[in-house]
Amino acid sequence: MQHEDPLPPVPTTLAPLRNRAFRSIWTATQISSLGWLVQTVAISWLMATISASDLMVALVQAASTLPVFFLSILAGAVADNFSRRWVMFAGHCLIALASTTLTISVGLGFVHPWLLLGLGFLAGCGFALNDPAWHASVGDILHKRDIPAAVTLTSVGYNIVRSIGPALGGTILAFFGPLAAFALAALCDLAPLGALWRTKWEVRSSPLPREKMATAVHDGVRFTAMSLEIRAAIARATLFGLASIAILALLPLVVRDQLKSGPIVYGILLAGFGTGAFIAGMSNGYLRRITSQNRLVAFASVACAACCLCLALTSSVAVATVFMALGGAGWLVTWTGIDVSVQLASPRWVVGRTLSIYYALSAGGMAAGSWIWGTAAQDYSLTLALEGAAAVLLLVAAAGIVLPVRPWEEKDQESSDFRAPELALDLKPRSGPIVAKVDYSISEKNTDAFLGCMRAKRHALSRAGARNWTLQRNLQTPSLWTETYRTPTWMDFLRLNHRLTAADKEVGQQLLALHDGEVAPHPVLSIERTTEAARTRASTIVPRPPR
């Protein structure tokens, strides 16, 4: 964890900027985002001029988000098992390669719709690699109390740039042409590479060896699937992305066909979107104090629906800009709220994977939405596509009843200290299966409370990797209860215990208070053995010599 610079106190939203490492990478990221937005404006408008297909224009958004859907989960496992700093560096190298190749291609006069989509896809691969590692690194660099402010600040910073970048991109495109826009983007991509090369931060390393990628992905998916609050947040984000992407995916067509304007107006509308997001970001703390997070996300979906309806019906640039600001505010409030909810609900050992699954599914929703609304605009009408997106956004707002976004809670998600028990056998990492049994003595009056604690413990152990968890009650001595669970190998048992957080182990303290025995409950470990002769000889474990 980095030490904070000795600067004067600052407002909560800006507090993370006191940290030198966060400040350096955050600033470089804004420079890179500026170049990316300028490039996106140029690509979208260039596609609208060289292709007569409305679907190809809408697929510009899909090209950069689709790789996030396909690669993010693997990238999250990489971020949890390797240096997140170098994973971010590799991601930005891919983004820089895409921008440089695009600049050279346009400079040589080679421009084709599929080339634009292909290089957008390559840049998307860079974002898929970088984003889980960067967002997971926020918790490494900063104290957890600063994570909500850091996530908000990251979104606000991007939307400040969004207020400038599209207008700048439209101006450069109108006066200097697409080559200048692409060259500026390629130069801006050097900033995060330099910042990551110079900046280092301390990360608490695991004493255990790295997991295999397939196992790491499986464990991340299992943890996410068993976490109710993460599951609900991701489902809500996917639906929101599916509907709200219509605003950005169809905006070039709105400008070209409905407002009868050019790239400068396109930039102005995107600047309005960014301005609304900036205002919402700076007001986010106040908004969270006056209403619940779930209700706030619902209001944000309604704001985006209003933006879609306005774009479908208005022919005024001024009115469209105002409603774009409303849509930008809804966009930031939703993504910031869900991002923080996933981060705070995830222990450090798996946060890269939970975030990557969130990014993958939300990006998949946006990619699917780009295709759906682009097809609707091409086969039916632009107005019908925008009205359909507005209707879906209203349904997403109503989905908060069954898929609520939980309030932000600063749980202790750091892994607790664990020491491997002394064993009489010399186990290898792959030795197993391992069986753990814990006996409890519980009086009848405490049975209901005990069962409630055991439900919580089962959930915590199963998310961390325990299998075949059972609870038995002794028929001869009803006060005696036995908890049993298994892990495939000795290494899996060690990983399970290293993954349990301090918050998870609070359940153990509650169980200790309910236990009536003189000896505190503790796991008794066994290794399963077959009675088949050949397999028994092959798996013999040598007893450890006495010390």
Protein backbone atom coordinates (compact mmCIF):
# COMPACT_ATOMS: atom_id res chain seq x y z
CA MET A 1 0.00 0.00 0.00
CA GLN A 2 1.41 3.37 -1.00
CA HIS A 3 1.97 6.13 1.54
CA GLU A 4 -0.04 9.25 0.88
CA ASP A 5 1.67 12.48 -0.02
CA PRO A 6 1.78 15.13 2.72
CA LEU A 7 -0.74 17.45 1.06
CA PRO A 8 -3.48 19.51 2.73
CA PRO A 9 -6.89 17.86 3.24
CA VAL A 10 -9.05 17.77 0.13
CA PRO A 11 -12.73 17.04 -0.55
CA THR A 12 -13.73 13.38 -0.44
CA THR A 13 -14.16 13.00 -4.21
CA LEU A 14 -10.62 14.28 -4.82
CA ALA A 15 -8.99 12.48 -1.87
CA PRO A 16 -7.48 9.63 -3.98
CA LEU A 17 -5.41 12.19 -5.92
CA ARG A 18 -3.28 12.64 -2.81
CA ASN A 19 -1.75 9.25 -3.58
CA ARG A 20 1.20 9.66 -5.95
CA ALA A 21 0.79 6.34 -7.78
CA PHE A 22 -2.95 6.76 -8.30
CA ARG A 23 -2.51 10.38 -9.39
CA SER A 24 0.16 9.50 -11.96
CA ILE A 25 -1.80 6.68 -13.60
CA TRP A 26 -5.13 8.53 -13.37
CA THR A 27 -3.66 11.58 -15.14
CA ALA A 28 -2.03 9.48 -17.86
CA THR A 29 -5.30 7.59 -18.33
CA GLN A 30 -7.16 10.85 -18.97
CA ILE A 31 -4.62 11.83 -21.63
CA SER A 32 -5.01 8.43 -23.27
CA SER A 33 -8.81 8.70 -23.04
CA LEU A 34 -8.67 12.09 -24.75
CA GLY A 35 -6.85 10.52 -27.69
CA TRP A 36 -9.23 7.57 -27.75
CA LEU A 37 -12.30 9.82 -27.86
CA VAL A 38 -10.83 11.94 -30.64
CA GLN A 39 -10.08 8.72 -32.52
CA THR A 40 -13.58 7.31 -31.88
CA VAL A 41 -15.22 10.45 -33.28
CA ALA A 42 -13.00 10.22 -36.36
CA ILE A 43 -13.67 6.48 -36.88
CA SER A 44 -17.44 6.84 -36.42
CA TRP A 45 -17.69 9.77 -38.81
CA LEU A 46 -15.30 8.19 -41.32
CA MET A 47 -17.40 5.01 -41.26
CA ALA A 48 -20.58 7.06 -41.83
CA THR A 49 -18.98 8.65 -44.91
CA ILE A 50 -17.39 5.56 -46.52
CA SER A 51 -20.21 3.09 -45.78
CA ALA A 52 -23.87 3.34 -46.71
CA SER A 53 -24.80 0.69 -44.12
CA ASP A 54 -26.38 1.93 -40.88
CA LEU A 55 -25.39 -1.39 -39.29
CA MET A 56 -21.67 -0.84 -40.05
CA VAL A 57 -21.86 2.57 -38.34
CA ALA A 58 -23.47 1.06 -35.25
CA LEU A 59 -20.88 -1.76 -35.20
CA VAL A 60 -18.08 0.75 -34.54
CA GLN A 61 -19.18 0.68 -30.90
CA ALA A 62 -19.51 -3.12 -30.96
CA ALA A 63 -16.01 -3.64 -32.40
CA SER A 64 -14.28 -2.15 -29.35
CA THR A 65 -16.62 -3.70 -26.75
CA LEU A 66 -16.86 -7.25 -28.14
CA PRO A 67 -13.28 -8.23 -27.13
CA VAL A 68 -14.12 -7.24 -23.57
CA PHE A 69 -16.93 -9.79 -23.66
CA PHE A 70 -14.70 -12.59 -24.99
CA LEU A 71 -11.42 -11.88 -23.20
CA SER A 72 -12.20 -10.13 -19.91
CA ILE A 73 -12.72 -13.26 -17.81
CA LEU A 74 -9.33 -14.65 -18.87
CA ALA A 75 -7.80 -11.19 -18.37
CA GLY A 76 -9.24 -11.07 -14.85
CA ALA A 77 -7.59 -14.39 -14.00
CA VAL A 78 -4.31 -13.03 -15.41
CA ALA A 79 -4.70 -9.87 -13.29
CA ASP A 80 -5.21 -11.94 -10.11
CA ASN A 81 -2.20 -14.19 -10.78
CA PHE A 82 0.41 -11.87 -12.31
CA SER A 83 1.66 -8.34 -11.75
CA ARG A 84 -1.30 -6.07 -12.43
CA ARG A 85 1.07 -3.27 -13.37
CA TRP A 86 2.60 -5.28 -16.22
CA VAL A 87 -0.80 -6.57 -17.33
CA MET A 88 -1.91 -2.94 -17.67
CA PHE A 89 1.28 -2.14 -19.59
CA ALA A 90 0.61 -4.98 -22.06
CA GLY A 91 -2.95 -3.78 -22.58
CA HIS A 92 -1.85 -0.23 -23.38
CA CYS A 93 0.73 -1.61 -25.81
CA LEU A 94 -2.11 -3.20 -27.82
CA ILE A 95 -4.10 0.06 -27.78
CA ALA A 96 -1.03 2.01 -28.96
CA LEU A 97 -0.40 -0.57 -31.71
CA ALA A 98 -3.97 -0.20 -32.99
CA SER A 99 -3.78 3.62 -33.05
CA THR A 100 -0.39 3.66 -34.76
CA THR A 101 -1.49 1.15 -37.42
CA LEU A 102 -4.64 3.17 -38.10
CA THR A 103 -2.60 6.38 -38.48
CA ILE A 104 -0.21 4.73 -40.95
CA SER A 105 -3.06 3.14 -42.94
CA VAL A 106 -4.96 6.42 -43.31
CA GLY A 107 -1.71 8.23 -44.15
CA LEU A 108 -1.11 5.74 -46.98
CA GLY A 109 -4.68 6.18 -48.20
CA PHE A 110 -5.79 2.65 -47.34
CA VAL A 111 -9.22 2.97 -45.68
CA HIS A 112 -11.82 0.22 -45.60
CA PRO A 113 -14.82 -0.36 -43.26
CA TRP A 114 -13.52 -3.76 -42.15
CA LEU A 115 -10.08 -2.31 -41.42
CA LEU A 116 -11.67 0.27 -39.12
CA LEU A 117 -13.63 -2.44 -37.32
CA GLY A 118 -10.60 -4.74 -37.12
CA LEU A 119 -8.35 -2.11 -35.53
CA GLY A 120 -11.18 -1.14 -33.18
CA PHE A 121 -11.32 -4.81 -32.19
CA LEU A 122 -7.55 -4.83 -31.52
CA ALA A 123 -7.86 -1.74 -29.30
CA GLY A 124 -10.75 -3.47 -27.54
CA CYS A 125 -8.43 -6.39 -26.76
CA GLY A 126 -6.11 -3.89 -25.08
CA PHE A 127 -8.96 -2.48 -23.01
CA ALA A 128 -10.05 -6.03 -22.07
CA LEU A 129 -6.55 -6.66 -20.70
CA ASN A 130 -6.09 -3.28 -19.02
CA ASP A 131 -9.41 -2.50 -17.38
CA PRO A 132 -9.75 -5.40 -14.87
CA ALA A 133 -6.11 -4.95 -13.83
CA TRP A 134 -6.47 -1.17 -13.40
CA HIS A 135 -9.72 -1.29 -11.43
CA ALA A 136 -8.42 -4.16 -9.26
CA SER A 137 -5.22 -2.14 -8.65
CA VAL A 138 -7.26 0.69 -7.14
CA GLY A 139 -7.76 -1.49 -4.06
CA ASP A 140 -4.01 -2.25 -3.99
CA ILE A 141 -2.97 1.39 -4.22
CA LEU A 142 -5.61 2.98 -1.96
CA HIS A 143 -7.33 2.24 1.33
CA LYS A 144 -10.75 0.63 0.84
CA ARG A 145 -12.49 3.72 2.26
CA ASP A 146 -11.22 5.64 -0.79
CA ILE A 147 -12.42 3.06 -3.36
CA PRO A 148 -15.87 4.68 -3.97
CA ALA A 149 -14.21 8.09 -4.45
CA ALA A 150 -11.55 6.57 -6.72
CA VAL A 151 -14.11 4.80 -8.93
CA THR A 152 -16.21 7.97 -9.10
CA LEU A 153 -13.10 10.03 -9.85
CA THR A 154 -12.09 7.63 -12.64
CA SER A 155 -15.53 8.00 -14.22
CA VAL A 156 -15.60 11.75 -13.67
CA GLY A 157 -12.13 12.11 -15.19
CA TYR A 158 -13.17 10.16 -18.24
CA ASN A 159 -16.30 12.25 -18.62
CA ILE A 160 -14.39 15.51 -18.22
CA VAL A 161 -12.35 14.31 -21.14
CA ARG A 162 -15.57 13.24 -22.85
CA SER A 163 -16.73 16.86 -22.58
CA ILE A 164 -13.60 18.02 -24.41
CA GLY A 165 -12.55 15.08 -26.58
CA PRO A 166 -15.55 14.80 -28.93
CA ALA A 167 -15.69 18.56 -29.57
CA LEU A 168 -11.93 18.56 -30.14
CA GLY A 169 -12.28 15.50 -32.36
CA GLY A 170 -15.05 17.13 -34.39
CA THR A 171 -13.00 20.31 -34.81
CA ILE A 172 -9.85 18.43 -35.85
CA LEU A 173 -11.91 16.29 -38.21
CA ALA A 174 -13.61 19.32 -39.79
CA PHE A 175 -10.47 21.45 -40.25
CA PHE A 176 -7.57 19.01 -40.50
CA GLY A 177 -9.09 15.67 -41.51
CA PRO A 178 -9.04 12.18 -39.97
CA LEU A 179 -5.27 11.68 -40.28
CA ALA A 180 -4.57 14.45 -37.74
CA ALA A 181 -7.12 12.94 -35.33
CA PHE A 182 -5.54 9.50 -35.56
CA ALA A 183 -2.01 10.90 -35.16
CA LEU A 184 -3.05 12.77 -31.98
CA ALA A 185 -4.57 9.55 -30.57
CA ALA A 186 -1.36 7.62 -31.24
CA LEU A 187 0.69 10.26 -29.36
CA CYS A 188 -1.73 10.28 -26.40
CA ASP A 189 -1.34 6.50 -26.04
CA LEU A 190 2.29 7.01 -24.98
CA ALA A 191 1.26 8.72 -21.71
CA PRO A 192 0.02 5.61 -19.80
CA LEU A 193 2.97 3.57 -21.04
CA GLY A 194 5.35 6.13 -19.55
CA ALA A 195 3.39 6.39 -16.29
CA LEU A 196 3.27 2.63 -15.77
CA TRP A 197 6.99 2.30 -16.56
CA ARG A 198 7.88 4.89 -13.88
CA THR A 199 5.26 4.08 -11.20
CA LYS A 200 5.36 1.16 -8.77
CA TRP A 201 3.21 0.23 -5.79
CA GLU A 202 3.34 -2.48 -3.16
CA VAL A 203 1.01 -5.46 -3.47
CA ARG A 204 0.46 -8.07 -0.78
CA SER A 205 1.69 -11.26 -2.42
CA SER A 206 0.27 -14.71 -1.81
CA PRO A 207 2.58 -17.27 -0.19
CA LEU A 208 1.07 -19.92 -2.49
CA PRO A 209 2.10 -20.66 -6.10
CA ARG A 210 0.07 -19.27 -9.00
CA GLU A 211 -3.09 -21.07 -9.99
CA LYS A 212 -3.50 -22.65 -13.40
CA MET A 213 -5.50 -20.36 -15.69
CA ALA A 214 -8.36 -22.84 -16.14
CA THR A 215 -8.64 -23.30 -12.37
CA ALA A 216 -8.42 -19.55 -11.74
CA VAL A 217 -11.21 -18.85 -14.23
CA HIS A 218 -13.36 -21.64 -12.74
CA ASP A 219 -12.87 -20.32 -9.19
CA GLY A 220 -13.72 -16.78 -10.26
CA VAL A 221 -16.90 -17.86 -12.03
CA ARG A 222 -17.92 -20.00 -9.02
CA PHE A 223 -17.38 -17.15 -6.57
CA THR A 224 -19.35 -14.72 -8.75
CA ALA A 225 -22.20 -17.19 -9.28
CA MET A 226 -22.51 -17.76 -5.52
CA SER A 227 -22.47 -14.04 -4.60
CA LEU A 228 -26.04 -12.76 -4.67
CA GLU A 229 -25.18 -9.06 -4.62
CA ILE A 230 -22.52 -9.39 -7.35
CA ARG A 231 -24.85 -11.50 -9.47
CA ALA A 232 -27.68 -8.94 -9.24
CA ALA A 233 -25.34 -6.03 -10.01
CA ILE A 234 -23.93 -7.76 -13.10
CA ALA A 235 -27.40 -8.70 -14.40
CA ARG A 236 -28.54 -5.10 -13.97
CA ALA A 237 -25.42 -3.79 -15.73
CA THR A 238 -25.88 -6.16 -18.68
CA LEU A 239 -29.47 -5.08 -19.23
CA PHE A 240 -28.57 -1.41 -18.87
CA GLY A 241 -25.70 -1.74 -21.34
CA LEU A 242 -27.96 -3.55 -23.85
CA ALA A 243 -30.46 -0.66 -23.86
CA SER A 244 -28.39 2.47 -23.14
CA ILE A 245 -25.74 1.86 -25.82
CA ALA A 246 -28.35 2.97 -28.36
CA ILE A 247 -27.57 6.57 -27.36
CA LEU A 248 -23.94 6.37 -28.49
CA ALA A 249 -24.29 3.74 -31.22
CA LEU A 250 -27.03 5.63 -33.11
CA LEU A 251 -25.83 9.17 -32.44
CA PRO A 252 -23.90 9.53 -35.75
CA LEU A 253 -27.11 8.59 -37.59
CA VAL A 254 -29.14 11.09 -35.52
CA VAL A 255 -26.71 13.85 -36.46
CA ARG A 256 -26.52 12.87 -40.14
CA ASP A 257 -30.16 12.01 -40.85
CA GLN A 258 -32.30 13.78 -38.26
CA LEU A 259 -30.35 16.93 -37.36
CA LYS A 260 -28.88 17.25 -40.90
CA SER A 261 -25.52 18.32 -39.46
CA GLY A 262 -21.83 17.37 -39.52
CA PRO A 263 -18.94 16.36 -37.25
CA ILE A 264 -18.91 19.58 -35.21
CA VAL A 265 -22.50 19.02 -34.04
CA TYR A 266 -21.65 15.38 -33.37
CA GLY A 267 -18.82 16.56 -31.13
CA ILE A 268 -21.06 19.09 -29.39
CA LEU A 269 -23.64 16.42 -28.54
CA LEU A 270 -20.97 14.11 -27.15
CA ALA A 271 -19.58 17.04 -25.16
CA GLY A 272 -23.06 17.56 -23.70
CA PHE A 273 -23.12 13.87 -22.74
CA GLY A 274 -19.75 14.24 -21.00
CA THR A 275 -20.77 17.43 -19.23
CA GLY A 276 -23.84 15.77 -17.75
CA ALA A 277 -21.69 12.87 -16.58
CA PHE A 278 -19.19 15.27 -14.99
CA ILE A 279 -21.92 17.13 -13.07
CA ALA A 280 -23.43 13.84 -11.88
CA GLY A 281 -20.02 12.57 -10.80
CA MET A 282 -19.26 15.64 -8.71
CA SER A 283 -22.74 15.37 -7.15
CA ASN A 284 -22.57 11.61 -6.62
CA GLY A 285 -21.80 11.81 -2.89
CA TYR A 286 -24.73 14.16 -2.27
CA LEU A 287 -27.08 11.99 -4.37
CA ARG A 288 -26.14 8.87 -2.38
CA ARG A 289 -26.93 10.68 0.87
CA ILE A 290 -30.45 11.64 -0.15
CA THR A 291 -31.56 8.33 -1.70
CA SER A 292 -30.63 4.65 -1.83
CA GLN A 293 -28.16 3.31 -4.37
CA ASN A 294 -30.80 1.05 -5.92
CA ARG A 295 -33.25 3.93 -6.40
CA LEU A 296 -30.47 6.11 -7.80
CA VAL A 297 -29.64 3.52 -10.47
CA ALA A 298 -33.35 3.26 -11.34
CA PHE A 299 -33.61 7.05 -11.78
CA ALA A 300 -30.48 6.90 -13.97
CA SER A 301 -32.17 4.39 -16.30
CA VAL A 302 -35.20 6.69 -16.57
CA ALA A 303 -32.87 9.62 -17.44
CA CYS A 304 -31.29 7.58 -20.26
CA ALA A 305 -34.76 6.59 -21.50
CA ALA A 306 -35.70 10.29 -21.66
CA CYS A 307 -32.52 10.94 -23.66
CA CYS A 308 -33.43 8.23 -26.20
CA LEU A 309 -36.96 9.61 -26.62
CA CYS A 310 -35.68 13.12 -27.15
CA LEU A 311 -33.18 12.00 -29.81
CA ALA A 312 -36.02 10.13 -31.54
CA LEU A 313 -38.36 13.13 -31.65
CA THR A 314 -36.40 16.40 -31.71
CA SER A 315 -34.82 18.24 -34.62
CA SER A 316 -33.23 20.91 -32.40
CA VAL A 317 -29.51 20.69 -31.64
CA ALA A 318 -29.94 22.67 -28.40
CA VAL A 319 -32.70 20.39 -27.07
CA ALA A 320 -30.75 17.30 -28.08
CA THR A 321 -27.65 18.60 -26.26
CA VAL A 322 -29.61 19.17 -23.03
CA PHE A 323 -31.04 15.66 -23.09
CA MET A 324 -27.65 14.21 -23.98
CA ALA A 325 -26.40 15.78 -20.74
CA LEU A 326 -29.26 14.05 -18.90
CA GLY A 327 -28.29 10.76 -20.54
CA GLY A 328 -24.64 11.28 -19.60
CA ALA A 329 -25.62 11.82 -15.97
CA GLY A 330 -27.64 8.58 -15.96
CA TRP A 331 -24.79 6.74 -17.68
CA LEU A 332 -22.21 7.76 -15.04
CA VAL A 333 -24.44 7.17 -12.02
CA THR A 334 -25.28 3.65 -13.19
CA TRP A 335 -21.79 2.46 -14.09
CA THR A 336 -20.15 4.05 -11.04
CA GLY A 337 -22.71 2.60 -8.64
CA ILE A 338 -22.47 -0.92 -10.05
CA ASP A 339 -18.66 -0.84 -10.34
CA VAL A 340 -18.24 0.12 -6.68
CA SER A 341 -20.82 -2.48 -5.58
CA VAL A 342 -18.85 -5.26 -7.32
CA GLN A 343 -15.51 -4.03 -5.94
CA LEU A 344 -16.63 -3.73 -2.34
CA ALA A 345 -18.34 -7.13 -2.43
CA SER A 346 -15.20 -8.88 -3.74
CA PRO A 347 -12.24 -10.12 -1.67
CA ARG A 348 -8.81 -9.09 -2.95
CA TRP A 349 -7.92 -12.63 -4.13
CA VAL A 350 -10.75 -12.64 -6.70
CA VAL A 351 -11.53 -8.97 -7.38
CA GLY A 352 -9.85 -9.00 -10.82
CA ARG A 353 -12.03 -11.92 -11.87
CA THR A 354 -15.33 -10.57 -10.51
CA LEU A 355 -14.66 -7.23 -12.20
CA SER A 356 -13.70 -8.96 -15.44
CA ILE A 357 -16.94 -11.00 -15.44
CA TYR A 358 -18.85 -7.77 -14.82
CA TYR A 359 -17.01 -6.05 -17.69
CA ALA A 360 -17.45 -9.06 -19.98
CA LEU A 361 -21.20 -9.34 -19.54
CA SER A 362 -21.87 -5.59 -19.57
CA ALA A 363 -19.70 -5.22 -22.70
CA GLY A 364 -21.51 -8.18 -24.23
CA GLY A 365 -24.77 -6.40 -23.52
CA MET A 366 -23.48 -3.24 -25.20
CA ALA A 367 -22.16 -5.15 -28.23
CA ALA A 368 -25.49 -6.98 -28.60
CA GLY A 369 -27.36 -3.70 -28.15
CA SER A 370 -25.28 -1.99 -30.86
CA TRP A 371 -26.20 -4.77 -33.27
CA ILE A 372 -29.88 -4.88 -32.24
CA TRP A 373 -30.50 -1.14 -32.44
CA GLY A 374 -28.40 -0.77 -35.60
CA THR A 375 -30.41 -3.52 -37.28
CA ALA A 376 -33.68 -1.93 -36.12
CA ALA A 377 -32.60 1.45 -37.52
CA GLN A 378 -31.62 -0.10 -40.84
CA ASP A 379 -34.62 -2.43 -41.30
CA TYR A 380 -37.31 -0.19 -39.79
CA SER A 381 -36.45 3.39 -38.79
CA LEU A 382 -34.08 5.35 -36.59
CA THR A 383 -37.01 6.73 -34.59
CA LEU A 384 -38.39 3.25 -33.88
CA ALA A 385 -34.97 2.01 -32.74
CA LEU A 386 -34.55 4.86 -30.24
CA GLU A 387 -38.11 4.49 -28.95
CA GLY A 388 -37.54 0.75 -28.48
CA ALA A 389 -34.35 1.44 -26.51
CA ALA A 390 -36.25 3.91 -24.30
CA ALA A 391 -38.93 1.30 -23.56
CA VAL A 392 -36.29 -1.29 -22.57
CA LEU A 393 -34.57 1.26 -20.30
CA LEU A 394 -37.83 1.81 -18.43
CA LEU A 395 -38.07 -1.96 -17.93
CA VAL A 396 -34.47 -1.94 -16.62
CA ALA A 397 -35.47 0.72 -14.09
CA ALA A 398 -38.35 -1.49 -12.93
CA ALA A 399 -35.97 -4.48 -12.69
CA GLY A 400 -34.55 -2.92 -9.53
CA ILE A 401 -37.43 -4.56 -7.65
CA VAL A 402 -36.09 -8.08 -8.34
CA LEU A 403 -32.42 -7.22 -9.03
CA PRO A 404 -31.57 -4.58 -6.42
CA VAL A 405 -28.14 -2.93 -6.28
CA ARG A 406 -27.12 -3.29 -2.65
CA PRO A 407 -25.95 -0.33 -0.53
CA TRP A 408 -22.19 0.17 -0.45
CA GLU A 409 -20.66 -1.48 2.60
CA GLU A 410 -16.99 -1.27 3.54
CA LYS A 411 -16.57 -4.93 4.51
CA ASP A 412 -13.16 -6.23 5.58
CA GLN A 413 -12.30 -8.17 2.41
CA GLU A 414 -8.59 -8.60 3.14
CA SER A 415 -7.49 -12.21 3.52
CA SER A 416 -6.96 -13.15 7.16
CA ASP A 417 -3.68 -14.64 8.38
CA PHE A 418 -3.57 -18.41 8.13
CA ARG A 419 -0.90 -20.84 9.23
CA ALA A 420 -0.88 -24.36 7.85
CA PRO A 421 -1.42 -26.94 10.60
CA GLU A 422 1.34 -29.33 11.64
CA LEU A 423 0.93 -32.73 9.97
CA ALA A 424 2.27 -36.19 10.75
CA LEU A 425 2.34 -37.12 7.05
CA ASP A 426 4.51 -35.55 4.39
CA LEU A 427 1.88 -34.26 1.96
CA LYS A 428 2.61 -33.00 -1.52
CA PRO A 429 0.59 -30.10 -3.04
CA ARG A 430 -1.42 -32.56 -5.18
CA SER A 431 -2.09 -35.02 -2.33
CA GLY A 432 -5.78 -35.52 -1.62
CA PRO A 433 -8.72 -35.48 -1.38
CA ILE A 434 -8.59 -33.71 1.97
CA VAL A 435 -11.50 -34.03 4.41
CA ALA A 436 -12.02 -31.53 7.24
CA LYS A 437 -14.37 -32.26 10.16
CA VAL A 438 -15.33 -29.86 12.96
CA ASP A 439 -17.34 -30.93 16.02
CA TYR A 440 -19.64 -28.54 17.92
CA SER A 441 -21.57 -28.95 21.14
CA ILE A 442 -24.75 -26.86 20.88
CA SER A 443 -27.56 -26.60 23.42
CA GLU A 444 -31.15 -26.86 22.23
CA LYS A 445 -31.88 -23.17 22.89
CA ASN A 446 -29.03 -22.14 20.54
CA THR A 447 -29.94 -24.51 17.69
CA ASP A 448 -31.66 -21.91 15.48
CA ALA A 449 -28.82 -19.39 15.88
CA PHE A 450 -26.29 -22.16 15.21
CA LEU A 451 -28.01 -23.19 11.98
CA GLY A 452 -28.07 -19.58 10.83
CA CYS A 453 -24.32 -19.27 11.44
CA MET A 454 -23.66 -22.54 9.64
CA ARG A 455 -25.59 -21.35 6.59
CA ALA A 456 -23.30 -18.31 6.47
CA LYS A 457 -20.21 -20.50 6.97
CA ARG A 458 -21.27 -22.93 4.26
CA HIS A 459 -21.71 -20.04 1.85
CA ALA A 460 -18.28 -18.57 2.70
CA LEU A 461 -16.46 -21.90 2.47
CA SER A 462 -18.19 -22.93 -0.77
CA ARG A 463 -17.35 -19.62 -2.46
CA ALA A 464 -13.71 -20.08 -1.44
CA GLY A 465 -13.48 -23.62 -2.84
CA ALA A 466 -14.91 -26.13 -0.33
CA ARG A 467 -16.85 -29.05 -1.80
CA ASN A 468 -19.41 -31.55 -0.48
CA TRP A 469 -20.15 -29.45 2.62
CA THR A 470 -22.46 -31.28 5.04
CA LEU A 471 -23.73 -30.84 8.59
CA GLN A 472 -24.70 -33.89 10.67
CA ARG A 473 -26.43 -34.16 14.02
CA ASN A 474 -25.60 -37.08 16.30
CA LEU A 475 -28.67 -39.25 16.93
CA GLN A 476 -27.41 -40.58 20.29
CA THR A 477 -26.14 -37.20 21.52
CA PRO A 478 -28.32 -34.50 19.85
CA SER A 479 -26.18 -31.64 21.15
CA LEU A 480 -23.23 -32.93 19.08
CA TRP A 481 -23.02 -31.55 15.53
CA THR A 482 -20.32 -32.35 12.93
CA GLU A 483 -19.43 -30.11 9.99
CA THR A 484 -17.66 -31.83 7.08
CA TYR A 485 -16.22 -30.48 3.82
CA ARG A 486 -13.67 -31.59 1.24
CA THR A 487 -11.06 -30.13 -1.09
CA PRO A 488 -9.57 -32.02 -4.05
CA THR A 489 -5.94 -31.53 -2.94
CA TRP A 490 -3.83 -30.26 -0.05
CA MET A 491 -2.99 -27.14 -2.07
CA ASP A 492 -6.71 -26.49 -2.57
CA PHE A 493 -7.17 -26.71 1.22
CA LEU A 494 -4.41 -24.13 1.74
CA ARG A 495 -5.90 -21.84 -0.91
CA LEU A 496 -9.35 -22.10 0.67
CA ASN A 497 -8.07 -20.92 4.04
CA HIS A 498 -5.95 -18.13 2.54
CA ARG A 499 -9.04 -16.91 0.65
CA LEU A 500 -11.27 -16.60 3.70
CA THR A 501 -11.51 -12.96 4.68
CA ALA A 502 -11.61 -11.47 8.14
CA ALA A 503 -15.33 -10.82 7.55
CA ASP A 504 -15.84 -14.53 6.73
CA LYS A 505 -14.04 -15.61 9.88
CA GLU A 506 -16.29 -13.47 12.08
CA VAL A 507 -18.78 -16.34 11.70
CA GLY A 508 -16.26 -18.54 13.51
CA GLN A 509 -16.32 -16.18 16.48
CA GLN A 510 -20.11 -16.35 16.56
CA LEU A 511 -19.98 -20.16 16.49
CA LEU A 512 -17.43 -20.16 19.31
CA ALA A 513 -19.85 -18.14 21.44
CA LEU A 514 -22.59 -20.75 20.81
CA HIS A 515 -20.30 -23.74 21.52
CA ASP A 516 -20.76 -25.35 24.97
CA GLY A 517 -17.71 -27.62 24.95
CA GLU A 518 -14.55 -27.01 26.97
CA VAL A 519 -12.31 -27.38 23.90
CA ALA A 520 -12.82 -24.84 21.10
CA PRO A 521 -14.03 -26.36 17.81
CA HIS A 522 -11.18 -26.94 15.35
CA PRO A 523 -10.87 -28.83 12.04
CA VAL A 524 -9.65 -32.42 12.17
CA LEU A 525 -7.97 -33.19 8.84
CA SER A 526 -7.94 -36.52 7.02
CA ILE A 527 -6.90 -37.71 3.59
CA GLU A 528 -9.16 -40.10 1.71
CA ARG A 529 -7.60 -43.38 0.60
CA THR A 530 -8.90 -46.14 -1.67
CA THR A 531 -8.73 -49.82 -0.73
CA GLU A 532 -7.73 -50.86 -4.26
CA ALA A 533 -4.25 -52.37 -3.97
CA ALA A 534 -2.66 -50.86 -7.10
CA ARG A 535 -3.88 -47.35 -6.40
CA THR A 536 -2.96 -47.63 -2.71
CA ARG A 537 0.67 -48.52 -3.57
CA ALA A 538 0.86 -45.67 -6.09
CA SER A 539 -0.42 -43.05 -3.61
CA THR A 540 1.39 -44.06 -0.42
CA ILE A 541 2.41 -41.04 1.68
CA VAL A 542 5.46 -41.39 3.86
CA PRO A 543 5.03 -40.45 7.54
CA ARG A 544 7.00 -37.41 8.55
CA PRO A 545 9.94 -38.23 10.88
CA PRO A 546 9.49 -36.97 14.45
CA ARG A 547 11.14 -33.66 15.24
